[in-house]
Structure formats: C-alpha cells, structure tokens
N, C-alpha and C. Protein backbone atom coordinates (compact mmCIF):
# COMPACT_ATOMS: atom_id res chain seq x y z
N MET A 1 89.92 133.55 91.02
CA MET A 1 89.99 132.89 91.45
C MET A 1 90.66 132.08 92.18
N GLY A 2 90.07 130.90 92.36
CA GLY A 2 91.15 129.34 93.24
C GLY A 2 92.60 129.35 92.94
N ARG A 3 93.50 129.06 93.72
CA ARG A 3 94.52 128.27 93.87
C ARG A 3 95.02 127.14 93.09
N ARG A 4 95.44 127.49 92.27
CA ARG A 4 95.16 125.60 91.82
C ARG A 4 96.63 124.74 92.57
N SER A 5 95.52 123.43 93.28
CA SER A 5 96.32 122.47 93.54
C SER A 5 97.86 121.75 93.33
N PRO A 6 98.57 122.31 93.93
CA PRO A 6 99.95 120.92 93.88
C PRO A 6 99.96 119.00 92.82
N TYR A 7 98.20 118.45 93.61
CA TYR A 7 98.36 118.08 93.36
C TYR A 7 98.03 117.39 92.55
N PRO A 8 98.09 116.35 91.31
CA PRO A 8 97.50 115.93 90.12
C PRO A 8 96.30 115.18 90.70
N ALA A 9 94.80 115.59 89.85
CA ALA A 9 93.88 115.26 89.55
C ALA A 9 94.05 113.03 90.42
N GLU A 10 94.28 113.13 89.61
CA GLU A 10 94.42 111.48 90.03
C GLU A 10 95.29 111.41 90.83
N PHE A 11 95.84 111.49 92.02
CA PHE A 11 96.63 111.39 93.29
C PHE A 11 95.28 111.78 94.19
N ARG A 12 94.46 112.97 94.07
CA ARG A 12 93.36 114.19 94.93
C ARG A 12 91.93 112.28 94.79
N ASN A 13 92.05 111.98 93.50
CA ASN A 13 90.73 111.00 93.10
C ASN A 13 91.27 110.09 93.72
N ASP A 14 92.25 109.45 94.78
CA ASP A 14 92.30 108.33 94.85
C ASP A 14 92.23 108.02 96.15
N ALA A 15 92.53 109.37 96.85
CA ALA A 15 92.14 110.50 98.58
C ALA A 15 90.91 110.01 99.10
N VAL A 16 90.74 110.75 98.27
CA VAL A 16 88.93 110.59 97.54
C VAL A 16 87.96 108.85 97.33
N ALA A 17 88.99 108.97 96.54
CA ALA A 17 87.79 107.26 96.91
C ALA A 17 88.53 106.02 97.81
N LEU A 18 90.29 106.03 98.34
CA LEU A 18 90.67 106.16 99.91
C LEU A 18 89.34 105.97 100.61
N TYR A 19 89.08 107.65 101.39
CA TYR A 19 88.77 107.70 102.03
C TYR A 19 87.00 107.23 102.68
N ARG A 20 86.89 106.83 101.34
CA ARG A 20 85.08 106.73 100.93
C ARG A 20 85.10 104.91 100.99
N ALA A 21 85.82 104.20 100.79
CA ALA A 21 86.20 103.19 100.72
C ALA A 21 86.14 102.18 102.14
N ALA A 22 86.41 103.68 103.46
CA ALA A 22 87.03 103.00 104.59
C ALA A 22 85.74 103.46 104.97
N GLY A 23 84.65 103.47 104.10
CA GLY A 23 82.98 103.69 104.73
C GLY A 23 82.86 104.28 106.79
N GLY A 24 83.17 105.13 106.98
CA GLY A 24 82.82 105.52 107.80
C GLY A 24 83.53 105.29 108.73
N LYS A 25 84.81 104.47 108.69
CA LYS A 25 85.74 103.71 109.95
C LYS A 25 86.69 104.68 109.94
N ARG A 26 87.18 105.36 109.07
CA ARG A 26 88.82 106.15 109.10
C ARG A 26 88.34 107.52 109.58
N THR A 27 88.12 108.24 109.95
CA THR A 27 88.51 110.12 109.90
C THR A 27 89.00 110.44 109.01
N TYR A 28 88.79 111.75 107.61
CA TYR A 28 89.59 112.62 107.68
C TYR A 28 91.42 112.86 107.90
N ALA A 29 91.01 113.00 108.69
CA ALA A 29 92.22 112.72 109.34
C ALA A 29 94.02 111.61 109.07
N ALA A 30 93.18 110.32 110.34
CA ALA A 30 93.33 109.48 109.17
C ALA A 30 94.41 108.66 108.28
N VAL A 31 93.28 109.02 106.90
CA VAL A 31 93.05 108.39 106.01
C VAL A 31 94.25 109.78 105.18
N ALA A 32 93.66 111.41 105.22
CA ALA A 32 95.33 112.22 104.49
C ALA A 32 96.78 112.06 105.38
N ALA A 33 96.66 111.94 106.57
CA ALA A 33 98.28 111.39 107.12
C ALA A 33 98.59 109.96 106.57
N TYR A 34 97.52 109.62 106.03
CA TYR A 34 98.48 107.93 105.39
C TYR A 34 98.64 108.39 103.97
N VAL A 35 97.93 109.08 103.16
CA VAL A 35 98.32 109.55 102.40
C VAL A 35 98.79 111.47 102.13
N GLY A 36 99.61 111.56 103.29
CA GLY A 36 100.52 112.66 103.41
C GLY A 36 100.62 113.75 103.22
N VAL A 37 98.81 114.52 103.58
CA VAL A 37 97.92 115.08 103.29
C VAL A 37 97.29 116.20 104.26
N THR A 38 96.58 116.94 104.52
CA THR A 38 96.45 118.10 105.72
C THR A 38 94.90 117.69 105.27
N SER A 39 94.19 117.65 106.97
CA SER A 39 92.86 117.10 106.02
C SER A 39 91.90 117.78 105.51
N GLU A 40 92.84 119.08 105.79
CA GLU A 40 91.44 120.39 105.92
C GLU A 40 91.40 119.55 103.74
N ALA A 41 92.86 119.71 103.58
CA ALA A 41 92.71 120.42 101.67
C ALA A 41 92.22 117.93 101.29
N LEU A 42 92.04 116.85 102.00
CA LEU A 42 90.95 115.97 101.44
C LEU A 42 89.69 116.30 102.55
N ARG A 43 89.13 117.17 102.96
CA ARG A 43 88.58 117.71 103.01
C ARG A 43 87.80 118.22 102.10
N SER A 44 88.17 118.93 102.32
CA SER A 44 88.27 120.30 100.57
C SER A 44 87.30 119.29 99.48
N TRP A 45 88.73 118.45 99.20
CA TRP A 45 88.96 117.23 97.64
C TRP A 45 87.25 116.77 97.78
N VAL A 46 87.44 115.90 98.91
CA VAL A 46 85.82 115.12 99.26
C VAL A 46 84.62 116.28 98.94
N ARG A 47 84.45 116.88 99.42
CA ARG A 47 83.41 118.34 99.31
C ARG A 47 83.61 118.61 97.44
N GLN A 48 84.27 118.52 96.89
CA GLN A 48 84.04 118.82 95.61
C GLN A 48 83.97 117.72 94.50
N ALA A 49 84.68 116.69 95.71
CA ALA A 49 83.36 114.84 94.72
C ALA A 49 82.49 114.62 94.46
N ASP A 50 81.42 114.99 95.90
CA ASP A 50 80.24 116.01 96.23
C ASP A 50 79.40 116.15 95.53
N GLY A 51 80.12 117.34 94.60
CA GLY A 51 79.45 118.52 94.22
C GLY A 51 79.59 120.21 95.09
N LEU A 52 80.08 119.70 96.60
CA LEU A 52 79.49 121.05 96.96
C LEU A 52 80.74 121.42 97.80
N GLY A 53 81.80 121.64 96.31
CA GLY A 53 82.75 122.25 96.86
C GLY A 53 83.33 123.31 95.53
N GLY A 54 82.14 123.72 95.11
CA GLY A 54 82.07 125.21 94.40
C GLY A 54 82.21 126.64 94.59
N PRO A 55 82.42 127.18 94.38
CA PRO A 55 82.01 128.85 95.22
C PRO A 55 80.91 129.16 95.65
N ARG A 56 81.37 129.59 96.93
CA ARG A 56 79.45 129.76 97.95
C ARG A 56 79.44 130.98 97.32
N GLN A 57 77.95 131.13 96.84
CA GLN A 57 77.19 131.98 96.59
C GLN A 57 76.63 133.18 97.92
N PRO A 58 76.70 134.22 97.62
CA PRO A 58 76.89 135.19 98.41
C PRO A 58 75.09 134.98 99.01
N ARG A 59 74.38 135.41 99.93
CA ARG A 59 72.71 134.64 100.32
C ARG A 59 72.42 136.29 99.96
N ARG A 60 70.95 135.74 99.37
CA ARG A 60 70.64 137.24 99.67
C ARG A 60 69.89 136.95 100.25
N ALA A 61 69.08 138.46 100.08
CA ALA A 61 68.19 139.62 101.34
C ALA A 61 67.16 138.63 101.68
N GLY A 62 66.46 138.23 102.40
CA GLY A 62 65.11 137.10 102.41
C GLY A 62 65.16 136.06 101.67
N HIS A 63 66.04 135.92 101.24
CA HIS A 63 66.17 134.71 100.33
C HIS A 63 66.12 133.13 101.89
N GLY A 64 64.68 132.55 101.79
CA GLY A 64 64.67 131.34 102.91
C GLY A 64 63.52 131.58 103.77
N ARG A 65 63.61 132.46 103.68
CA ARG A 65 62.76 133.09 105.02
C ARG A 65 61.18 133.72 104.79
N GLY A 66 60.42 132.56 104.74
CA GLY A 66 59.28 132.78 105.55
C GLY A 66 57.98 134.01 105.28
N PRO A 67 56.87 134.20 105.19
CA PRO A 67 56.08 135.73 104.20
C PRO A 67 55.98 135.53 106.75
N GLY A 68 56.67 136.66 106.63
CA GLY A 68 56.14 137.00 108.18
C GLY A 68 57.02 137.73 109.12
C-alpha cells in the first residue's frame, strides 16, 4: 500500500486547480513553491487527478508487440 499524504484532499485539489488555472504559463516548480510543496508532489497530484497516478501494472511478455 502507498503512503498516506500529510496534506488534506482539499489542499491537494486546490493546488492542482491552481496549476491548471495557470494554463501552462507556470511550471510545476513555480506553483509548488507558491503553495509550499515539492514539485514532485504537485506533479503526482496532477497525475492522480488525471487518472494516471494509479499503481503501475507490470508489462506482460509480448504486450504491445505486433507479429513478427
């Protein structure tokens, strides 16, 4: 199991919304510094909000390969 975040869900959601509101004009690092977290934490929260932050599935042999 993953570690539980010390930040409340509302704080994480607000940080993600602030990053998205910048519309690409501010980096993860800039927004993260503004809210007082690491850029990796913010990047992780954005990925989770996008549905990309779940546990990674191991690749199966032959997965994604065409014939030949």
